[in-house]
Amino acid sequence: MKLPLIKNPRELAELIREIGFLPLFRCGIEGFSLEECTPPGYWFVKDVEGPWEWRERIAEEGEIAYAKLFHKKAGFISREWYPDFANYRRDGYDFDARYDDGLASMASKMIMDVLLEHTEGLLSSELKVKAGFIKEAAKGFDTALTTLQMQTYVTASRFEYKQDKSGRPYGWGVGRYAVSENVFGTEWVTSRYSEQPAESKARIAEHAAKLFPAAGMKLIEKVIK
């Protein structure tokens, strides 16, 4: 499938809903990324709203997941497909059970414990401090937060900007992160839990293979892992 050119957040949202999931950057499957279907003039150009701004709008709407979801890099998953990714990536584990079985790090637990107490989520800078990642103990925060996003326990809920003395936003948007169930609803996120994780994996892989048959199943499974 050749993806259409995307020039605004509305077109991006429509594409994600149509195909189900989309990496932000090149992933190895030719043509399967927002990077490859957006004109170069929309990327990091002053006074031009592009993908970096579109992702913020997508996250704020709460209907499409935006997080580090593919190879520890950013991407999007539609509401329809998020339960399958949660079932597959979590491999049948709620976070507490994963930690109890020794499959999650202490750093991940520190982050989850804090986010479970803040249902509206926290800015990454706030989360880092509240979870105890300060000074010598700061090591491991970014890795743990990325892992939790890949496993679908945590997602970006919106982005916020610092303001200058005149109240004008500046710099890059800072992500606000929340437990995925608090963004999309527990019932929905866990709605595939009655199935085996392998069933969700197969469903995702088969769907991607229909979209990009030339990629081959081995590469597809690597991308969705």
C-alpha atoms as a PDB file:
ATOM      1  CA  MET A   1       0.000   0.000   0.000  1.00  0.00           C
ATOM      2  CA  LYS A   2       1.358   3.399  -0.930  1.00  0.00           C
ATOM      3  CA  LEU A   3       0.451   5.844   1.799  1.00  0.00           C
ATOM      4  CA  PRO A   4      -0.932   9.244   0.761  1.00  0.00           C
ATOM      5  CA  LEU A   5       0.920  12.497   1.312  1.00  0.00           C
ATOM      6  CA  ILE A   6       0.014  13.947   4.700  1.00  0.00           C
ATOM      7  CA  LYS A   7      -0.085  17.717   5.127  1.00  0.00           C
ATOM      8  CA  ASN A   8      -2.090  18.349   8.310  1.00  0.00           C
ATOM      9  CA  PRO A   9      -3.169  16.645  11.551  1.00  0.00           C
ATOM     10  CA  ARG A  10      -6.639  15.838  10.243  1.00  0.00           C
ATOM     11  CA  GLU A  11      -5.197  13.843   7.351  1.00  0.00           C
ATOM     12  CA  LEU A  12      -2.810  12.128   9.749  1.00  0.00           C
ATOM     13  CA  ALA A  13      -5.608  11.085  12.101  1.00  0.00           C
ATOM     14  CA  GLU A  14      -7.666   9.775   9.184  1.00  0.00           C
ATOM     15  CA  LEU A  15      -4.723   7.722   7.913  1.00  0.00           C
ATOM     16  CA  ILE A  16      -4.015   6.199  11.323  1.00  0.00           C
ATOM     17  CA  ARG A  17      -7.658   5.243  11.765  1.00  0.00           C
ATOM     18  CA  GLU A  18      -7.635   3.687   8.311  1.00  0.00           C
ATOM     19  CA  ILE A  19      -4.462   1.608   8.594  1.00  0.00           C
ATOM     20  CA  GLY A  20      -4.421   1.117  12.373  1.00  0.00           C
ATOM     21  CA  PHE A  21      -0.854   2.018  13.350  1.00  0.00           C
ATOM     22  CA  LEU A  22       2.048   4.033  11.980  1.00  0.00           C
ATOM     23  CA  PRO A  23       5.669   4.626  13.056  1.00  0.00           C
ATOM     24  CA  LEU A  24       6.751   8.257  13.111  1.00  0.00           C
ATOM     25  CA  PHE A  25      10.153   7.506  11.582  1.00  0.00           C
ATOM     26  CA  ARG A  26      11.446   4.969   9.049  1.00  0.00           C
ATOM     27  CA  CYS A  27      11.145   1.466  10.455  1.00  0.00           C
ATOM     28  CA  GLY A  28      12.569  -0.814   7.768  1.00  0.00           C
ATOM     29  CA  ILE A  29       9.315  -1.400   5.901  1.00  0.00           C
ATOM     30  CA  GLU A  30       9.507   0.884   2.893  1.00  0.00           C
ATOM     31  CA  GLY A  31       6.830   3.570   2.956  1.00  0.00           C
ATOM     32  CA  PHE A  32       5.522   2.654   6.407  1.00  0.00           C
ATOM     33  CA  SER A  33       6.170   5.821   8.415  1.00  0.00           C
ATOM     34  CA  LEU A  34       4.951   9.378   8.730  1.00  0.00           C
ATOM     35  CA  GLU A  35       8.459  10.492   7.790  1.00  0.00           C
ATOM     36  CA  GLU A  36       8.054   8.934   4.353  1.00  0.00           C
ATOM     37  CA  CYS A  37       4.608  10.334   3.596  1.00  0.00           C
ATOM     38  CA  THR A  38       5.152  13.935   4.673  1.00  0.00           C
ATOM     39  CA  PRO A  39       6.825  16.500   2.369  1.00  0.00           C
ATOM     40  CA  PRO A  40      10.317  17.493   3.634  1.00  0.00           C
ATOM     41  CA  GLY A  41       9.236  21.129   3.910  1.00  0.00           C
ATOM     42  CA  TYR A  42       7.000  20.261   6.858  1.00  0.00           C
ATOM     43  CA  TRP A  43       9.781  18.982   9.117  1.00  0.00           C
ATOM     44  CA  PHE A  44      11.360  21.381  11.637  1.00  0.00           C
ATOM     45  CA  VAL A  45      10.775  24.489   9.524  1.00  0.00           C
ATOM     46  CA  LYS A  46      10.241  27.759  11.369  1.00  0.00           C
ATOM     47  CA  ASP A  47       6.618  28.993  11.312  1.00  0.00           C
ATOM     48  CA  VAL A  48       5.475  25.813   9.530  1.00  0.00           C
ATOM     49  CA  GLU A  49       3.299  23.396  11.477  1.00  0.00           C
ATOM     50  CA  GLY A  50       4.477  19.874  10.754  1.00  0.00           C
ATOM     51  CA  PRO A  51       4.575  16.347  12.183  1.00  0.00           C
ATOM     52  CA  TRP A  52       6.214  17.469  15.419  1.00  0.00           C
ATOM     53  CA  GLU A  53       3.186  19.683  16.107  1.00  0.00           C
ATOM     54  CA  TRP A  54       0.648  17.231  14.671  1.00  0.00           C
ATOM     55  CA  ARG A  55       1.672  14.531  17.147  1.00  0.00           C
ATOM     56  CA  GLU A  56       0.781  16.919  19.969  1.00  0.00           C
ATOM     57  CA  ARG A  57      -2.727  17.421  18.627  1.00  0.00           C
ATOM     58  CA  ILE A  58      -3.140  13.681  18.125  1.00  0.00           C
ATOM     59  CA  ALA A  59      -2.113  12.961  21.722  1.00  0.00           C
ATOM     60  CA  GLU A  60      -4.417  15.633  23.145  1.00  0.00           C
ATOM     61  CA  GLU A  61      -7.496  14.286  21.359  1.00  0.00           C
ATOM     62  CA  GLY A  62      -7.237  11.029  23.308  1.00  0.00           C
ATOM     63  CA  GLU A  63      -8.457   8.796  20.479  1.00  0.00           C
ATOM     64  CA  ILE A  64      -5.109   7.740  19.028  1.00  0.00           C
ATOM     65  CA  ALA A  65      -2.147   6.623  21.121  1.00  0.00           C
ATOM     66  CA  TYR A  66       1.130   8.453  20.631  1.00  0.00           C
ATOM     67  CA  ALA A  67       4.212   7.150  22.426  1.00  0.00           C
ATOM     68  CA  LYS A  68       7.435   5.274  21.820  1.00  0.00           C
ATOM     69  CA  LEU A  69       5.796   2.245  20.257  1.00  0.00           C
ATOM     70  CA  PHE A  70       8.057   0.905  17.507  1.00  0.00           C
ATOM     71  CA  HIS A  71      11.705  -0.046  18.109  1.00  0.00           C
ATOM     72  CA  LYS A  72      11.731   2.311  21.112  1.00  0.00           C
ATOM     73  CA  LYS A  73      10.860   5.184  18.787  1.00  0.00           C
ATOM     74  CA  ALA A  74       7.702   7.210  18.429  1.00  0.00           C
ATOM     75  CA  GLY A  75       4.601   6.089  16.617  1.00  0.00           C
ATOM     76  CA  PHE A  76       0.823   6.012  16.596  1.00  0.00           C
ATOM     77  CA  ILE A  77      -1.772   3.299  17.256  1.00  0.00           C
ATOM     78  CA  SER A  78      -5.484   3.794  16.644  1.00  0.00           C
ATOM     79  CA  ARG A  79      -8.042   3.218  19.384  1.00  0.00           C
ATOM     80  CA  GLU A  80      -9.291   0.184  17.473  1.00  0.00           C
ATOM     81  CA  TRP A  81      -5.902  -1.543  17.487  1.00  0.00           C
ATOM     82  CA  TYR A  82      -4.588  -0.487  20.894  1.00  0.00           C
ATOM     83  CA  PRO A  83      -6.180  -3.427  22.799  1.00  0.00           C
ATOM     84  CA  ASP A  84      -4.419  -5.916  20.521  1.00  0.00           C
ATOM     85  CA  PHE A  85      -1.073  -4.212  21.056  1.00  0.00           C
ATOM     86  CA  ALA A  86      -1.695  -4.124  24.817  1.00  0.00           C
ATOM     87  CA  ASN A  87      -2.561  -7.820  24.886  1.00  0.00           C
ATOM     88  CA  TYR A  88       0.464  -8.750  22.767  1.00  0.00           C
ATOM     89  CA  ARG A  89       3.063  -6.424  24.276  1.00  0.00           C
ATOM     90  CA  ARG A  90       2.024  -7.065  27.889  1.00  0.00           C
ATOM     91  CA  ASP A  91       2.052 -10.803  27.242  1.00  0.00           C
ATOM     92  CA  GLY A  92      -0.813 -11.443  29.649  1.00  0.00           C
ATOM     93  CA  TYR A  93       0.629  -9.371  32.487  1.00  0.00           C
ATOM     94  CA  ASP A  94      -0.805  -6.432  34.369  1.00  0.00           C
ATOM     95  CA  PHE A  95       2.133  -4.377  35.567  1.00  0.00           C
ATOM     96  CA  ASP A  96       2.038  -5.571  39.184  1.00  0.00           C
ATOM     97  CA  ALA A  97       2.104  -9.212  38.096  1.00  0.00           C
ATOM     98  CA  ARG A  98       4.982  -8.487  35.721  1.00  0.00           C
ATOM     99  CA  TYR A  99       6.959  -6.893  38.523  1.00  0.00           C
ATOM    100  CA  ASP A 100       6.144  -9.678  40.989  1.00  0.00           C
ATOM    101  CA  ASP A 101       7.445 -12.227  38.482  1.00  0.00           C
ATOM    102  CA  GLY A 102      10.714 -10.344  38.162  1.00  0.00           C
ATOM    103  CA  LEU A 103      10.004  -9.173  34.611  1.00  0.00           C
ATOM    104  CA  ALA A 104       9.968  -5.422  35.304  1.00  0.00           C
ATOM    105  CA  SER A 105      12.702  -3.233  36.732  1.00  0.00           C
ATOM    106  CA  MET A 106      12.573  -1.287  39.972  1.00  0.00           C
ATOM    107  CA  ALA A 107      12.862   1.873  37.866  1.00  0.00           C
ATOM    108  CA  SER A 108       9.694   0.918  35.984  1.00  0.00           C
ATOM    109  CA  LYS A 109       7.885   0.244  39.257  1.00  0.00           C
ATOM    110  CA  MET A 110       8.938   3.617  40.677  1.00  0.00           C
ATOM    111  CA  ILE A 111       7.413   5.325  37.636  1.00  0.00           C
ATOM    112  CA  MET A 112       4.217   3.264  37.649  1.00  0.00           C
ATOM    113  CA  ASP A 113       3.630   3.769  41.374  1.00  0.00           C
ATOM    114  CA  VAL A 114       3.698   7.539  40.918  1.00  0.00           C
ATOM    115  CA  LEU A 115       1.571   7.592  37.754  1.00  0.00           C
ATOM    116  CA  LEU A 116      -1.085   5.419  39.387  1.00  0.00           C
ATOM    117  CA  GLU A 117      -1.435   8.149  42.017  1.00  0.00           C
ATOM    118  CA  HIS A 118      -1.759  10.897  39.385  1.00  0.00           C
ATOM    119  CA  THR A 119      -4.588   9.913  37.067  1.00  0.00           C
ATOM    120  CA  GLU A 120      -4.214  13.078  34.969  1.00  0.00           C
ATOM    121  CA  GLY A 121      -0.598  12.213  34.300  1.00  0.00           C
ATOM    122  CA  LEU A 122       2.585  14.166  34.915  1.00  0.00           C
ATOM    123  CA  LEU A 123       5.039  16.094  32.799  1.00  0.00           C
ATOM    124  CA  SER A 124       8.174  14.038  32.261  1.00  0.00           C
ATOM    125  CA  SER A 125      10.155  16.540  34.344  1.00  0.00           C
ATOM    126  CA  GLU A 126       7.672  16.267  37.232  1.00  0.00           C
ATOM    127  CA  LEU A 127       7.488  12.495  36.966  1.00  0.00           C
ATOM    128  CA  LYS A 128      11.250  12.192  37.127  1.00  0.00           C
ATOM    129  CA  VAL A 129      11.401  14.076  40.425  1.00  0.00           C
ATOM    130  CA  LYS A 130       8.323  12.547  42.076  1.00  0.00           C
ATOM    131  CA  ALA A 131       9.492   9.038  41.217  1.00  0.00           C
ATOM    132  CA  GLY A 132      12.833   9.711  42.890  1.00  0.00           C
ATOM    133  CA  PHE A 133      15.094   9.976  39.845  1.00  0.00           C
ATOM    134  CA  ILE A 134      17.237  12.838  41.089  1.00  0.00           C
ATOM    135  CA  LYS A 135      20.994  13.373  41.080  1.00  0.00           C
ATOM    136  CA  GLU A 136      22.796  10.041  41.431  1.00  0.00           C
ATOM    137  CA  ALA A 137      19.513   8.130  41.270  1.00  0.00           C
ATOM    138  CA  ALA A 138      18.494   9.682  37.937  1.00  0.00           C
ATOM    139  CA  LYS A 139      20.024   6.872  35.897  1.00  0.00           C
ATOM    140  CA  GLY A 140      17.505   4.552  34.318  1.00  0.00           C
ATOM    141  CA  PHE A 141      14.538   6.918  34.067  1.00  0.00           C
ATOM    142  CA  ASP A 142      14.503   7.346  30.282  1.00  0.00           C
ATOM    143  CA  THR A 143      15.048   3.642  29.643  1.00  0.00           C
ATOM    144  CA  ALA A 144      12.273   2.641  32.033  1.00  0.00           C
ATOM    145  CA  LEU A 145       9.821   5.197  30.644  1.00  0.00           C
ATOM    146  CA  THR A 146      10.519   4.001  27.100  1.00  0.00           C
ATOM    147  CA  THR A 147      10.017   0.370  28.134  1.00  0.00           C
ATOM    148  CA  LEU A 148       6.682   1.181  29.772  1.00  0.00           C
ATOM    149  CA  GLN A 149       5.531   2.907  26.587  1.00  0.00           C
ATOM    150  CA  MET A 150       6.612  -0.024  24.431  1.00  0.00           C
ATOM    151  CA  GLN A 151       4.698  -2.366  26.732  1.00  0.00           C
ATOM    152  CA  THR A 152       1.641  -0.033  26.497  1.00  0.00           C
ATOM    153  CA  TYR A 153       1.412   0.564  30.245  1.00  0.00           C
ATOM    154  CA  VAL A 154       2.137   4.278  29.732  1.00  0.00           C
ATOM    155  CA  THR A 155       1.261   6.720  26.956  1.00  0.00           C
ATOM    156  CA  ALA A 156       1.669  10.426  26.196  1.00  0.00           C
ATOM    157  CA  SER A 157      -1.557  12.255  27.017  1.00  0.00           C
ATOM    158  CA  ARG A 158      -0.542  15.722  25.820  1.00  0.00           C
ATOM    159  CA  PHE A 159       2.351  18.162  25.439  1.00  0.00           C
ATOM    160  CA  GLU A 160       2.905  21.430  27.259  1.00  0.00           C
ATOM    161  CA  TYR A 161       5.260  24.364  26.698  1.00  0.00           C
ATOM    162  CA  LYS A 162       7.312  26.616  28.905  1.00  0.00           C
ATOM    163  CA  GLN A 163       6.276  30.273  28.737  1.00  0.00           C
ATOM    164  CA  ASP A 164       8.349  33.437  28.629  1.00  0.00           C
ATOM    165  CA  LYS A 165       7.672  36.515  30.759  1.00  0.00           C
ATOM    166  CA  SER A 166       4.988  37.610  28.306  1.00  0.00           C
ATOM    167  CA  GLY A 167       3.173  34.310  28.548  1.00  0.00           C
ATOM    168  CA  ARG A 168       4.228  33.147  25.109  1.00  0.00           C
ATOM    169  CA  PRO A 169       5.145  29.476  24.681  1.00  0.00           C
ATOM    170  CA  TYR A 170       8.662  28.632  23.573  1.00  0.00           C
ATOM    171  CA  GLY A 171      10.945  25.666  23.011  1.00  0.00           C
ATOM    172  CA  TRP A 172       9.881  22.066  22.500  1.00  0.00           C
ATOM    173  CA  GLY A 173       6.711  20.641  23.962  1.00  0.00           C
ATOM    174  CA  VAL A 174       7.239  18.594  27.125  1.00  0.00           C
ATOM    175  CA  GLY A 175       5.292  15.349  27.215  1.00  0.00           C
ATOM    176  CA  ARG A 176       2.713  14.609  29.904  1.00  0.00           C
ATOM    177  CA  TYR A 177       2.600  10.873  30.562  1.00  0.00           C
ATOM    178  CA  ALA A 178      -0.195   8.808  32.066  1.00  0.00           C
ATOM    179  CA  VAL A 179      -1.174   5.202  32.630  1.00  0.00           C
ATOM    180  CA  SER A 180      -2.843   4.081  29.388  1.00  0.00           C
ATOM    181  CA  GLU A 181      -5.985   2.896  31.182  1.00  0.00           C
ATOM    182  CA  ASN A 182      -6.478   6.419  32.532  1.00  0.00           C
ATOM    183  CA  VAL A 183      -6.404   7.804  28.995  1.00  0.00           C
ATOM    184  CA  PHE A 184      -8.360   5.213  27.014  1.00  0.00           C
ATOM    185  CA  GLY A 185     -10.285   3.420  29.776  1.00  0.00           C
ATOM    186  CA  THR A 186      -9.459   0.163  31.523  1.00  0.00           C
ATOM    187  CA  GLU A 187     -12.282  -1.798  29.939  1.00  0.00           C
ATOM    188  CA  TRP A 188     -11.157  -0.867  26.441  1.00  0.00           C
ATOM    189  CA  VAL A 189      -7.401  -1.254  26.910  1.00  0.00           C
ATOM    190  CA  THR A 190      -7.841  -4.729  28.414  1.00  0.00           C
ATOM    191  CA  SER A 191     -10.644  -5.845  26.094  1.00  0.00           C
ATOM    192  CA  ARG A 192      -8.423  -8.449  24.387  1.00  0.00           C
ATOM    193  CA  TYR A 193      -7.209  -9.998  27.631  1.00  0.00           C
ATOM    194  CA  SER A 194      -9.535 -12.968  27.145  1.00  0.00           C
ATOM    195  CA  GLU A 195      -7.426 -13.987  24.132  1.00  0.00           C
ATOM    196  CA  GLN A 196      -3.896 -15.325  24.029  1.00  0.00           C
ATOM    197  CA  PRO A 197      -1.183 -12.710  23.311  1.00  0.00           C
ATOM    198  CA  ALA A 198      -0.157 -14.808  20.297  1.00  0.00           C
ATOM    199  CA  GLU A 199      -3.617 -14.274  18.795  1.00  0.00           C
ATOM    200  CA  SER A 200      -3.235 -10.511  19.014  1.00  0.00           C
ATOM    201  CA  LYS A 201       0.270 -10.707  17.582  1.00  0.00           C
ATOM    202  CA  ALA A 202      -1.007 -12.732  14.624  1.00  0.00           C
ATOM    203  CA  ARG A 203      -3.875 -10.312  14.045  1.00  0.00           C
ATOM    204  CA  ILE A 204      -1.517  -7.317  14.008  1.00  0.00           C
ATOM    205  CA  ALA A 205       1.045  -9.044  11.779  1.00  0.00           C
ATOM    206  CA  GLU A 206      -1.545 -10.272   9.286  1.00  0.00           C
ATOM    207  CA  HIS A 207      -3.050  -6.802   9.046  1.00  0.00           C
ATOM    208  CA  ALA A 208       0.372  -5.243   8.401  1.00  0.00           C
ATOM    209  CA  ALA A 209       1.121  -7.929   5.807  1.00  0.00           C
ATOM    210  CA  LYS A 210      -2.028  -6.987   3.904  1.00  0.00           C
ATOM    211  CA  LEU A 211      -0.910  -3.352   3.882  1.00  0.00           C
ATOM    212  CA  PHE A 212       2.712  -4.084   2.937  1.00  0.00           C
ATOM    213  CA  PRO A 213       2.884  -7.595   1.428  1.00  0.00           C
ATOM    214  CA  ALA A 214       6.362  -7.049  -0.024  1.00  0.00           C
ATOM    215  CA  ALA A 215       7.845  -6.548   3.443  1.00  0.00           C
ATOM    216  CA  GLY A 216       7.696 -10.208   4.416  1.00  0.00           C
ATOM    217  CA  MET A 217       6.480 -11.595   7.726  1.00  0.00           C
ATOM    218  CA  LYS A 218       9.929 -11.721   9.346  1.00  0.00           C
ATOM    219  CA  LEU A 219      10.429  -7.973   8.983  1.00  0.00           C
ATOM    220  CA  ILE A 220       6.842  -7.217   9.965  1.00  0.00           C
ATOM    221  CA  GLU A 221       7.173  -9.207  13.182  1.00  0.00           C
ATOM    222  CA  LYS A 222      10.387  -7.345  13.965  1.00  0.00           C
ATOM    223  CA  VAL A 223       8.674  -3.971  13.496  1.00  0.00           C
ATOM    224  CA  ILE A 224       5.609  -4.747  15.622  1.00  0.00           C
ATOM    225  CA  LYS A 225       7.522  -6.500  18.420  1.00  0.00           C
END
